[in-house]
Structure formats: structure tokens, C-alpha cells
Amino acid sequence: MSSHLFSSLNLREELVTTIDALGFDAMTSIQQQSLPLILAGQDVIAQGHTGSGKTAAFGIGLLNAIDVSTFKPQALILCPTRELSEQVATEIRRLARAIANVKVVTVYGGTSIKTQTDSLAKGVHIVVGTPGRIEDLLVKDNLDLVSINSLVLDEADRMLDMGFQKTLDTILQLIPKKRQTLLFSATFPDEIAELAKRVSDDAEHVSVLDGQDQVRIDERFYEVENDHMRIDALARLLLERATTQTVVFCNTRADAQAVSGGLKSMGFSASALHGDMEQKDRDQTLIRFSNGSLNVLVATDVAARGLDISTLETVINFHLPKEIEVYTHRIGRTGRAGEKGTALSLFHKGEQYRMEKLAALTGRKTTNHELPPKQVLSQTPPRAVMSTLRIEGGKKQKLRPGDLVGALTKNDDESIQIDASKLGKIQIMNRWAYIAVEHTVAKQAVKKISAGKIKGKSFRCRLI
């Protein structure tokens, strides 16, 4: 039996069922190297770029060992941001769907700590959260880690970049020393090496950076005359690739806001994503991008943590990152789930030293390409195919995706007919629901929801 296949692993029956249903077959490189070690109970320090399949690697390992009869925290997964915490929790719930009664709770700042405390008090197997909120819960005695037998540090380099070193040390002191520790990082600076020594003294090291997973990303570099020419060059690249959703990375919040504003003034469907935004606005921007209601997301590195668009074809570096190792994180947003992707980067002669550092880091030659001709600037930027409706009701009101589909497609008003084929992604939150609809029927959809009833109740609805 091939060692590349999930079927070669000794997994619990429920996981085998789910993996088959999800269509998983061959493991990615990082899964092939790390998962057998994880299943054997070994500590693992793994280096691999974003999108390499690391979440499934540690998720399958944790779920294979979970004791569903004991409703105490058995695994703790630390992530640098709220968005990544949600992404990781969603993936683990997806993998756990055939295992009865597995409870996964996410905890992070920006939301009610009481709600999270209440969820923990009802019993939990896996806790996923940010270091800051985990520390808050520990200080208030609302989280007990004595039963933890597995600790995961996901995107550990980002956590250190964000200043979580002291918080991590506090948490580590309160977790049983007899445990399995899994540390995943896209880069491996000295600080990560030191952290790895503190969390485990006998970990197996695995690294997947330039192997089979990396070749699916086509990396291209474009030289601009000066900084003022960047927005022009960016517009030309976007217009040439008019049909693809794109993430544009900027080094600062101010740059992200300025670039987004510049693109919108040119007619692009674009929005910024950065740390100065209110959490609600960040959430809605990510929802719009993930469901096809937004073509271009202009983001800072930290704000983009947790962005999980498996079909994202293109990322563009408006500037090369100041810390060149971050480049690996950025381009890992494309070429996911076995798909091919493209990473485009702008630079000028004053940044040649960064190009040299980048070549040294990746071990690959950086080849310059010609920008698309200026004539493309006469083209009209494409509008987003979808629009997003926000309904003022969610899980608390017991709304389900089928309820929204039924409300929009029922034939109670012959003047407003909406076919199910024009509906897109549906996301149900605690108090709100979002549904993507083709922009051609967006106004009719708002009218139909607002004028009708769902489960006998009226709900307000608007376009965002």
C-alpha cells in the first residue's frame, strides 16, 4: 500500500469515512511527513508554507486521539488571529463530522468573553483560540488546562511577530508537561528555534518548502520606475487578469487603505482589510470576498491571517515585504488544495537587495517580466458577479441555509422569480446571516426577504 495515501494510516473508522467522503486520497508533502509522527504521539516541529495542508495534518492527528466520552479540554490550538482560529475550527469540525459529540470551541478577543465562558462550561474537547483570550480565560479561572494532552502552535512565527512571546510563556507554564506538542511555522527565524527548544526537547523536525507543493505557484516579478508608478502597474496587472479574484498585499495599514481607495476610484470592485477596521467590517469584507461579491482584497499581512479561499488564483505584492520571510506566507494564499496559482510582485531598483534576499531564501531564480501594455488601462474593470445580502437573524433565531434558499426561491410572488442557480455561498452567524446572490437579482432578493416571512417571522434584509 502506498505511503502517500491516507488509507495507509491507522485511523479510527469515523475519520476514514469522512476522509473518503471529502474526496481526500493522496497526502500533501507536509501531511506525508508529519502525520505518521503525530499519530505515533511524537512531538513535531514542522515548517511549511500556508496552504500546504498542515491544518488537516494536525486536525486528523488530534481527532484520532480524542476521547469523546470525556468532556474536558484535551487539545489546545493557539492561532495568531481570530480569523485563523475560525478557519482552523471550521476545518476540524468538518473532519470530525462522523465522530459523534465532538465539541470544538473557539475563543478570541473582540467578542463576548461571557459567551465563550458559557460554551466552555458546557464541556469541550478541543479549544481553538488566540493567546491573548486564552490568557484572559486562564486568569479568570474560566479555562482549565490540566486535561490537555495535545498542544498545537499554528503559524508560530506570526504569533511571535505580533508580540505574543510573553503570553505564550504564561500559557506553557499552565499546560501539563507530559503532552504532545506540534509547532507549525512557515518561516524558521532564530526566535522560532528558541521557542521550539522551550516547548519540546525531543521533537522530530520536518520541512516542506521547495518540494512538490511549491511548484504549483507561478512566481513573476515586475519592475516599476518608482513608487508613484505602482498603482498604475497594479491596475494593468488586474485588468489583464480580469476574471480572477485577487489579494493585494501591502506593508502598512495606510498603504492598504490608499491602494484600495485608488482602485475603487478607477472602478475596481475592491476593499481594504487591515487592523484599524472594526471587527464587524473586517468580517463582512472577508465574507464578501469569500463569496465572490468582491474581486480585489487589499490587505495587510496580519489582517489576512485565516483567509481561506481554496480557489484563489492570484496574489500580488504591491510592495515586497519588509521581512522577506513573510513572502512565503503571502504566496501560500494561492495554489491551495492542489490547484495552481500565480504570485506577482512589484519592485523598483531601490529594492534590489530585497530581491537578492528573496532569491537566497527560496533558492529560486527571480525572473523579471514585462508589465501588460498601458492600453489595457482603457478597459472597464469587471464588476463582481455576486452581491451579498445580510439578514438580521441567525443561529439564535434557528435559521438554516435551507430556510433562506426556500424564502428566495418560493413562488409566492410571480413578479419576483429567483432561480436557485442564482444563489451562492450562505453563512449563518449567531445573530446574522449572509447569502450571496447574482448581482442581477440582488434588489429583487432584498425585496423578497424583506416583504416575506421565514419560519413565520419577518426579518430585515439589506445589501452590504
Protein backbone atom coordinates (compact mmCIF):
# COMPACT_ATOMS: atom_id res chain seq x y z
CA MET A 1 0.00 0.00 0.00
CA SER A 2 1.39 3.44 -0.97
CA SER A 3 2.66 5.55 1.92
CA HIS A 4 1.29 8.60 0.06
CA LEU A 5 -2.31 7.53 0.68
CA PHE A 6 -4.45 8.29 3.73
CA SER A 7 -5.54 4.64 3.60
CA SER A 8 -2.00 3.67 4.63
CA LEU A 9 -2.57 5.24 8.05
CA ASN A 10 -4.06 3.57 11.11
CA LEU A 11 -7.06 5.86 11.61
CA ARG A 12 -10.30 5.46 13.54
CA GLU A 13 -13.20 4.30 11.38
CA GLU A 14 -15.11 7.59 11.62
CA LEU A 15 -12.15 9.54 10.24
CA VAL A 16 -11.70 7.08 7.38
CA THR A 17 -15.38 7.60 6.50
CA THR A 18 -15.05 11.39 6.49
CA ILE A 19 -11.77 11.44 4.55
CA ASP A 20 -13.35 9.24 1.88
CA ALA A 21 -16.45 11.46 1.75
CA LEU A 22 -14.31 14.59 1.37
CA GLY A 23 -12.52 13.02 -1.57
CA PHE A 24 -9.10 13.03 0.09
CA ASP A 25 -6.75 10.44 -1.34
CA ALA A 26 -3.05 11.24 -1.51
CA MET A 27 -1.50 13.25 1.30
CA THR A 28 0.33 16.53 0.68
CA SER A 29 4.04 16.59 1.38
CA ILE A 30 3.70 18.03 4.87
CA GLN A 31 0.94 15.55 5.74
CA GLN A 32 3.01 12.64 4.49
CA GLN A 33 5.99 13.69 6.60
CA SER A 34 4.23 14.81 9.78
CA LEU A 35 1.01 12.80 10.14
CA PRO A 36 2.57 9.36 10.84
CA LEU A 37 4.71 11.02 13.55
CA ILE A 38 1.68 12.80 15.02
CA LEU A 39 -0.36 9.60 15.08
CA ALA A 40 2.54 7.88 16.89
CA GLY A 41 2.37 10.53 19.63
CA GLN A 42 5.66 12.17 18.67
CA ASP A 43 6.30 15.91 19.12
CA VAL A 44 6.67 17.59 15.72
CA ILE A 45 8.20 20.90 14.63
CA ALA A 46 7.05 21.45 11.05
CA GLN A 47 7.97 24.14 8.55
CA GLY A 48 5.65 24.53 5.58
CA HIS A 49 4.07 27.34 3.63
CA THR A 50 0.45 28.46 4.02
CA GLY A 51 -1.92 26.16 2.16
CA SER A 52 0.30 23.08 2.40
CA GLY A 53 -2.32 21.05 4.29
CA LYS A 54 -0.98 21.49 7.81
CA THR A 55 -4.43 22.04 9.40
CA ALA A 56 -5.66 18.67 8.17
CA ALA A 57 -2.37 17.12 9.36
CA PHE A 58 -2.72 18.15 12.99
CA GLY A 59 -6.54 18.05 12.88
CA ILE A 60 -6.62 14.39 11.88
CA GLY A 61 -3.97 13.62 14.48
CA LEU A 62 -5.90 15.30 17.29
CA LEU A 63 -9.24 13.76 16.34
CA ASN A 64 -7.76 10.29 16.09
CA ALA A 65 -6.72 10.52 19.75
CA ILE A 66 -9.74 12.32 21.19
CA ASP A 67 -11.79 10.64 23.93
CA VAL A 68 -15.36 11.74 23.17
CA SER A 69 -16.66 10.35 26.47
CA THR A 70 -14.65 12.91 28.46
CA PHE A 71 -15.96 16.47 28.09
CA LYS A 72 -12.77 18.22 29.20
CA PRO A 73 -10.30 20.18 27.07
CA GLN A 74 -7.95 17.58 25.62
CA ALA A 75 -6.34 19.65 22.86
CA LEU A 76 -5.43 23.34 22.70
CA ILE A 77 -4.71 25.03 19.37
CA LEU A 78 -3.17 28.51 19.50
CA CYS A 79 -3.50 30.78 16.46
CA PRO A 80 -2.29 34.37 15.91
CA THR A 81 -5.66 35.84 14.86
CA ARG A 82 -9.40 35.46 15.23
CA GLU A 83 -9.77 34.75 11.51
CA LEU A 84 -7.28 31.88 11.55
CA SER A 85 -8.89 30.49 14.72
CA GLU A 86 -12.25 30.33 12.96
CA GLN A 87 -10.69 28.77 9.87
CA VAL A 88 -8.93 26.07 11.88
CA ALA A 89 -12.04 25.31 13.96
CA THR A 90 -14.16 25.03 10.81
CA GLU A 91 -11.73 22.57 9.24
CA ILE A 92 -11.60 20.42 12.39
CA ARG A 93 -15.39 20.34 12.65
CA ARG A 94 -15.51 19.27 9.01
CA LEU A 95 -13.06 16.43 9.68
CA ALA A 96 -14.95 15.46 12.85
CA ARG A 97 -18.43 15.30 11.39
CA ALA A 98 -18.65 11.49 11.54
CA ILE A 99 -17.42 11.38 15.16
CA ALA A 100 -20.41 11.78 17.45
CA ASN A 101 -20.46 14.57 20.05
CA VAL A 102 -17.06 16.13 19.37
CA LYS A 103 -17.19 19.69 20.68
CA VAL A 104 -14.85 22.38 19.36
CA VAL A 105 -14.94 25.88 20.92
CA THR A 106 -13.24 28.98 19.52
CA VAL A 107 -12.13 31.79 21.86
CA TYR A 108 -10.69 35.16 20.84
CA GLY A 109 -10.91 38.85 21.58
CA GLY A 110 -13.40 41.29 20.10
CA THR A 111 -16.38 39.19 21.20
CA SER A 112 -18.15 38.46 24.47
CA ILE A 113 -15.95 36.55 26.90
CA LYS A 114 -19.11 35.51 28.78
CA THR A 115 -20.48 33.74 25.70
CA GLN A 116 -17.19 31.89 25.30
CA THR A 117 -17.08 31.04 29.00
CA ASP A 118 -20.61 29.62 28.82
CA SER A 119 -19.61 27.44 25.85
CA LEU A 120 -16.57 26.12 27.71
CA ALA A 121 -18.67 25.38 30.81
CA LYS A 122 -20.94 23.06 28.78
CA GLY A 123 -17.99 20.79 28.04
CA VAL A 124 -15.41 20.84 25.27
CA HIS A 125 -12.86 18.52 23.67
CA ILE A 126 -10.81 20.94 21.56
CA VAL A 127 -10.19 24.63 22.26
CA VAL A 128 -9.02 26.87 19.41
CA GLY A 129 -8.08 30.46 20.15
CA THR A 130 -5.73 33.40 20.26
CA PRO A 131 -3.09 33.60 23.02
CA GLY A 132 -4.50 36.82 24.47
CA ARG A 133 -8.00 35.48 25.03
CA ILE A 134 -6.72 32.12 26.28
CA GLU A 135 -4.66 34.01 28.89
CA ASP A 136 -7.72 36.10 29.88
CA LEU A 137 -9.75 32.93 30.45
CA LEU A 138 -6.96 31.35 32.48
CA VAL A 139 -6.60 34.44 34.69
CA LYS A 140 -10.35 34.40 35.38
CA ASP A 141 -10.26 30.62 36.09
CA ASN A 142 -12.71 30.04 33.24
CA LEU A 143 -10.47 27.57 31.45
CA ASP A 144 -8.76 24.54 32.97
CA LEU A 145 -5.85 23.04 31.02
CA VAL A 146 -5.00 20.14 33.35
CA SER A 147 -6.51 17.60 30.91
CA ILE A 148 -4.66 18.91 27.86
CA ASN A 149 -2.65 16.17 26.20
CA SER A 150 -2.02 17.91 22.86
CA LEU A 151 -0.81 21.47 22.19
CA VAL A 152 -0.66 23.00 18.70
CA LEU A 153 1.06 26.29 17.88
CA ASP A 154 -0.21 27.24 14.41
CA GLU A 155 1.66 29.92 12.45
CA ALA A 156 4.01 30.30 15.39
CA ASP A 157 6.18 32.85 13.58
CA ARG A 158 3.20 35.19 13.20
CA MET A 159 2.40 34.88 16.90
CA LEU A 160 5.90 35.99 17.81
CA ASP A 161 5.76 38.82 15.25
CA MET A 162 2.59 40.04 16.95
CA GLY A 163 4.25 40.17 20.38
CA PHE A 164 2.72 37.07 21.97
CA GLN A 165 6.00 35.71 23.35
CA LYS A 166 5.28 36.54 27.00
CA THR A 167 1.69 35.35 26.73
CA LEU A 168 2.80 32.07 25.18
CA ASP A 169 5.26 31.54 28.05
CA THR A 170 2.44 32.08 30.58
CA ILE A 171 0.20 29.55 28.84
CA LEU A 172 3.01 27.00 28.51
CA GLN A 173 3.57 27.09 32.29
CA LEU A 174 -0.05 26.07 32.89
CA ILE A 175 -0.18 23.12 30.49
CA PRO A 176 0.87 19.62 31.61
CA LYS A 177 4.48 18.96 30.71
CA LYS A 178 3.54 15.45 29.67
CA ARG A 179 1.82 16.23 26.40
CA GLN A 180 2.27 16.11 22.66
CA THR A 181 3.43 19.41 21.15
CA LEU A 182 3.01 20.31 17.48
CA LEU A 183 4.54 23.55 16.19
CA PHE A 184 3.83 24.71 12.64
CA SER A 185 5.55 27.70 11.06
CA ALA A 186 6.08 28.97 7.51
CA THR A 187 9.42 30.54 8.43
CA PHE A 188 12.04 29.47 10.96
CA PRO A 189 13.90 32.50 12.34
CA ASP A 190 16.04 32.28 15.49
CA GLU A 191 13.07 33.20 17.69
CA ILE A 192 11.13 30.16 16.45
CA ALA A 193 14.15 27.92 17.02
CA GLU A 194 14.31 29.16 20.62
CA LEU A 195 10.56 28.63 21.10
CA ALA A 196 10.86 25.13 19.67
CA LYS A 197 13.53 24.29 22.26
CA ARG A 198 11.27 25.51 25.08
CA VAL A 199 8.17 23.61 24.02
CA SER A 200 9.90 20.29 23.29
CA ASP A 201 13.33 18.73 23.69
CA ASP A 202 12.79 15.63 21.54
CA ALA A 203 10.65 16.84 18.63
CA GLU A 204 11.01 15.49 15.12
CA HIS A 205 11.68 18.26 12.57
CA VAL A 206 10.03 18.18 9.14
CA SER A 207 10.27 20.79 6.40
CA VAL A 208 8.36 21.23 3.14
CA LEU A 209 9.20 24.45 1.32
CA ASP A 210 10.59 23.84 -2.12
CA GLY A 211 9.24 20.40 -2.84
CA GLN A 212 6.24 19.22 -4.79
CA ASP A 213 3.76 21.66 -3.18
CA GLN A 214 5.71 24.77 -4.12
CA VAL A 215 5.89 24.17 -7.88
CA ARG A 216 2.18 24.86 -8.32
CA ILE A 217 2.80 28.60 -7.77
CA ASP A 218 3.98 30.62 -10.77
CA GLU A 219 6.07 33.49 -9.35
CA ARG A 220 6.56 36.60 -11.51
CA PHE A 221 8.32 39.90 -10.78
CA TYR A 222 7.70 43.30 -12.39
CA GLU A 223 9.99 46.31 -12.10
CA VAL A 224 8.44 49.78 -11.79
CA GLU A 225 10.28 53.08 -12.22
CA ASN A 226 9.29 54.47 -8.82
CA ASP A 227 6.69 54.21 -6.05
CA HIS A 228 4.28 56.54 -7.87
CA MET A 229 4.04 54.04 -10.74
CA ARG A 230 2.95 51.14 -8.54
CA ILE A 231 -0.80 51.84 -8.65
CA ASP A 232 -0.65 52.13 -12.46
CA ALA A 233 1.25 48.82 -12.68
CA LEU A 234 -1.19 47.16 -10.27
CA ALA A 235 -4.19 48.28 -12.34
CA ARG A 236 -2.59 46.90 -15.50
CA LEU A 237 -1.99 43.51 -13.87
CA LEU A 238 -5.54 43.37 -12.52
CA LEU A 239 -7.08 44.30 -15.87
CA GLU A 240 -5.05 41.67 -17.67
CA ARG A 241 -6.37 39.05 -15.21
CA ALA A 242 -9.90 40.44 -15.18
CA THR A 243 -11.72 37.20 -14.34
CA THR A 244 -9.79 36.21 -11.21
CA GLN A 245 -10.23 37.12 -7.55
CA THR A 246 -7.04 38.67 -6.23
CA VAL A 247 -5.45 39.50 -2.88
CA VAL A 248 -3.11 42.50 -2.98
CA PHE A 249 -0.66 42.63 -0.07
CA CYS A 250 0.55 45.94 1.36
CA ASN A 251 3.11 46.50 4.11
CA THR A 252 1.11 49.05 6.14
CA ARG A 253 -2.49 49.83 7.02
CA ALA A 254 -2.17 53.26 5.41
CA ASP A 255 -0.96 51.66 2.16
CA ALA A 256 -3.84 49.17 2.18
CA GLN A 257 -6.39 51.97 2.62
CA ALA A 258 -4.77 54.19 -0.04
CA VAL A 259 -4.40 51.41 -2.61
CA SER A 260 -7.97 50.23 -2.06
CA GLY A 261 -9.24 53.79 -2.47
CA GLY A 262 -7.19 54.25 -5.63
CA LEU A 263 -8.53 51.07 -7.18
CA LYS A 264 -12.13 51.94 -6.29
CA SER A 265 -11.72 55.36 -7.92
CA MET A 266 -10.70 53.51 -11.11
CA GLY A 267 -13.85 51.42 -10.98
CA PHE A 268 -12.47 48.20 -9.49
CA SER A 269 -14.51 46.08 -7.10
CA ALA A 270 -12.01 46.45 -4.24
CA SER A 271 -11.91 46.81 -0.47
CA ALA A 272 -9.25 47.12 2.22
CA LEU A 273 -8.67 44.72 5.11
CA HIS A 274 -6.49 45.91 7.99
CA GLY A 275 -6.26 46.12 11.76
CA ASP A 276 -7.73 49.62 12.11
CA MET A 277 -11.13 48.40 10.89
CA GLU A 278 -13.94 47.46 13.25
CA GLN A 279 -14.25 43.69 13.63
CA LYS A 280 -17.73 43.72 12.07
CA ASP A 281 -16.38 45.49 8.98
CA ARG A 282 -13.45 43.05 8.75
CA ASP A 283 -15.82 40.09 9.00
CA GLN A 284 -18.14 41.44 6.31
CA THR A 285 -15.24 42.23 3.99
CA LEU A 286 -13.94 38.67 4.29
CA ILE A 287 -17.45 37.29 3.73
CA ARG A 288 -17.90 39.39 0.57
CA PHE A 289 -14.54 38.29 -0.80
CA SER A 290 -15.06 34.62 0.00
CA ASN A 291 -18.48 34.51 -1.68
CA GLY A 292 -17.50 36.36 -4.86
CA SER A 293 -19.09 39.73 -4.07
CA LEU A 294 -15.69 41.44 -4.09
CA ASN A 295 -12.97 40.97 -6.71
CA VAL A 296 -9.93 42.56 -5.07
CA LEU A 297 -8.95 42.39 -1.40
CA VAL A 298 -6.18 44.82 -0.41
CA ALA A 299 -4.77 43.51 2.86
CA THR A 300 -2.00 43.78 5.39
CA ASP A 301 -0.24 40.58 6.39
CA VAL A 302 -1.75 40.27 9.87
CA ALA A 303 -5.29 41.06 8.71
CA ALA A 304 -5.12 38.33 6.06
CA ARG A 305 -4.40 35.58 8.61
CA GLY A 306 -7.14 33.00 8.33
CA LEU A 307 -8.12 33.95 4.80
CA ASP A 308 -9.09 30.59 3.34
CA ILE A 309 -10.12 30.76 -0.32
CA SER A 310 -9.18 27.40 -1.81
CA THR A 311 -9.66 28.65 -5.39
CA LEU A 312 -7.72 31.92 -5.07
CA GLU A 313 -5.74 32.15 -8.30
CA THR A 314 -3.64 35.26 -7.78
CA VAL A 315 -1.84 37.21 -5.07
CA ILE A 316 0.04 40.45 -5.78
CA ASN A 317 2.75 42.01 -3.63
CA PHE A 318 2.21 45.75 -4.01
CA HIS A 319 5.47 46.05 -2.06
CA LEU A 320 7.87 43.27 -1.27
CA PRO A 321 7.54 42.57 2.47
CA LYS A 322 9.99 44.30 4.83
CA GLU A 323 10.71 40.94 6.44
CA ILE A 324 11.46 38.87 3.40
CA GLU A 325 10.44 35.60 5.12
CA VAL A 326 6.84 36.88 5.07
CA TYR A 327 6.89 36.37 1.29
CA THR A 328 6.37 32.64 1.90
CA HIS A 329 3.17 33.34 3.87
CA ARG A 330 1.82 35.65 1.20
CA ILE A 331 2.26 33.48 -1.85
CA GLY A 332 0.95 30.48 0.09
CA ARG A 333 -2.52 32.06 -0.12
CA THR A 334 -2.71 30.88 -3.73
CA GLY A 335 -2.10 27.45 -5.23
CA ARG A 336 -4.07 25.71 -2.49
CA ALA A 337 -5.85 22.36 -2.40
CA GLY A 338 -3.70 21.04 -5.24
CA GLU A 339 -4.64 23.90 -7.58
CA LYS A 340 -2.17 26.08 -9.45
CA GLY A 341 -1.73 29.73 -8.51
CA THR A 342 0.13 32.87 -9.51
CA ALA A 343 2.12 35.27 -7.32
CA LEU A 344 3.00 38.64 -8.85
CA SER A 345 5.38 41.12 -7.19
CA LEU A 346 6.19 44.78 -7.88
CA PHE A 347 9.60 46.25 -7.08
CA HIS A 348 11.93 49.08 -8.11
CA LYS A 349 15.70 49.34 -8.33
CA GLY A 350 15.98 50.58 -4.76
CA GLU A 351 14.61 47.21 -3.61
CA GLN A 352 17.14 45.09 -5.48
CA TYR A 353 18.65 44.00 -2.17
CA ARG A 354 15.28 42.50 -1.21
CA MET A 355 15.17 40.63 -4.50
CA GLU A 356 18.57 39.16 -3.72
CA LYS A 357 17.48 38.15 -0.21
CA LEU A 358 14.34 36.60 -1.67
CA ALA A 359 16.35 34.53 -4.15
CA ALA A 360 18.60 33.38 -1.31
CA LEU A 361 15.62 32.49 0.88
CA THR A 362 13.74 30.46 -1.73
CA GLY A 363 16.72 29.06 -3.63
CA ARG A 364 14.95 30.03 -6.86
CA LYS A 365 15.98 32.49 -9.54
CA THR A 366 13.75 35.59 -9.71
CA THR A 367 12.89 36.34 -13.34
CA ASN A 368 11.57 39.76 -14.37
CA HIS A 369 8.54 40.03 -16.66
CA GLU A 370 7.14 42.82 -18.80
CA LEU A 371 4.09 44.65 -17.49
CA PRO A 372 0.92 44.47 -19.60
CA PRO A 373 0.73 47.36 -22.13
CA LYS A 374 -0.72 50.68 -20.99
CA GLN A 375 -3.56 50.22 -23.46
CA VAL A 376 -5.25 47.82 -21.03
CA LEU A 377 -5.99 50.82 -18.79
CA SER A 378 -8.74 51.80 -21.24
CA GLN A 379 -10.68 48.67 -20.30
CA THR A 380 -13.54 48.79 -17.81
CA PRO A 381 -12.80 46.78 -14.66
CA PRO A 382 -15.19 43.84 -14.24
CA ARG A 383 -17.84 44.08 -11.58
CA ALA A 384 -18.24 41.34 -9.01
CA VAL A 385 -20.50 38.52 -10.19
CA MET A 386 -22.26 38.23 -6.83
CA SER A 387 -23.78 40.59 -4.27
CA THR A 388 -24.18 39.88 -0.54
CA LEU A 389 -27.42 40.11 1.44
CA ARG A 390 -27.34 40.49 5.20
CA ILE A 391 -30.37 39.15 7.08
CA GLU A 392 -30.96 40.31 10.67
CA GLY A 393 -31.31 36.82 12.07
CA GLY A 394 -29.07 33.80 12.55
CA LYS A 395 -28.45 30.73 14.68
CA LYS A 396 -30.15 32.34 17.69
CA GLN A 397 -33.32 32.56 15.59
CA LYS A 398 -32.73 28.96 14.40
CA LEU A 399 -32.23 29.99 10.78
CA ARG A 400 -30.69 27.39 8.48
CA PRO A 401 -29.33 27.68 4.92
CA GLY A 402 -32.36 25.80 3.58
CA ASP A 403 -34.69 28.39 5.12
CA LEU A 404 -33.01 31.19 3.15
CA VAL A 405 -32.96 29.23 -0.10
CA GLY A 406 -36.63 28.39 0.33
CA ALA A 407 -37.57 32.01 1.10
CA LEU A 408 -35.83 33.28 -2.04
CA THR A 409 -36.99 30.62 -4.48
CA LYS A 410 -40.61 30.05 -3.43
CA ASN A 411 -43.24 31.11 -5.97
CA ASP A 412 -45.43 33.27 -3.72
CA ASP A 413 -44.96 36.37 -5.89
CA GLU A 414 -44.99 35.86 -9.66
CA SER A 415 -43.40 39.27 -10.20
CA ILE A 416 -40.25 38.18 -8.31
CA GLN A 417 -38.91 34.85 -9.54
CA ILE A 418 -35.39 33.85 -8.37
CA ASP A 419 -33.89 30.59 -9.53
CA ALA A 420 -31.76 28.59 -7.09
CA SER A 421 -28.91 28.64 -9.63
CA LYS A 422 -28.50 32.37 -8.92
CA LEU A 423 -27.78 31.80 -5.22
CA GLY A 424 -24.27 31.38 -3.83
CA LYS A 425 -22.49 30.85 -0.54
CA ILE A 426 -24.54 31.03 2.68
CA GLN A 427 -23.02 31.81 6.09
CA ILE A 428 -25.10 31.71 9.27
CA MET A 429 -23.71 33.57 12.28
CA ASN A 430 -25.22 33.83 15.76
CA ARG A 431 -27.43 36.85 15.03
CA TRP A 432 -26.91 37.48 11.32
CA ALA A 433 -26.99 35.51 8.09
CA TYR A 434 -25.27 36.27 4.80
CA ILE A 435 -26.19 34.91 1.38
CA ALA A 436 -24.57 35.65 -1.96
CA VAL A 437 -26.86 36.18 -4.94
CA GLU A 438 -26.04 37.13 -8.52
CA HIS A 439 -25.94 40.91 -8.77
CA THR A 440 -28.61 40.81 -11.49
CA VAL A 441 -31.23 39.69 -8.95
CA ALA A 442 -29.84 41.36 -5.80
CA LYS A 443 -32.54 44.05 -5.47
CA GLN A 444 -35.33 41.53 -6.07
CA ALA A 445 -33.80 39.25 -3.43
CA VAL A 446 -33.76 42.03 -0.82
CA LYS A 447 -37.37 42.84 -1.60
CA LYS A 448 -38.44 39.21 -1.37
CA ILE A 449 -36.80 38.62 2.02
CA SER A 450 -37.97 41.95 3.47
CA ALA A 451 -41.58 41.55 2.32
CA GLY A 452 -41.91 37.86 3.12
CA LYS A 453 -41.56 35.67 6.18
CA ILE A 454 -39.16 32.93 7.21
CA LYS A 455 -40.49 30.39 9.71
CA GLY A 456 -43.41 32.69 10.26
CA LYS A 457 -41.24 35.66 11.20
CA SER A 458 -40.24 38.84 9.39
CA PHE A 459 -36.55 39.67 9.05
CA ARG A 460 -34.86 42.84 7.91
CA CYS A 461 -32.55 42.45 4.94
CA ARG A 462 -30.10 44.74 3.14
CA LEU A 463 -27.25 44.66 0.64
CA ILE A 464 -23.74 45.16 2.02
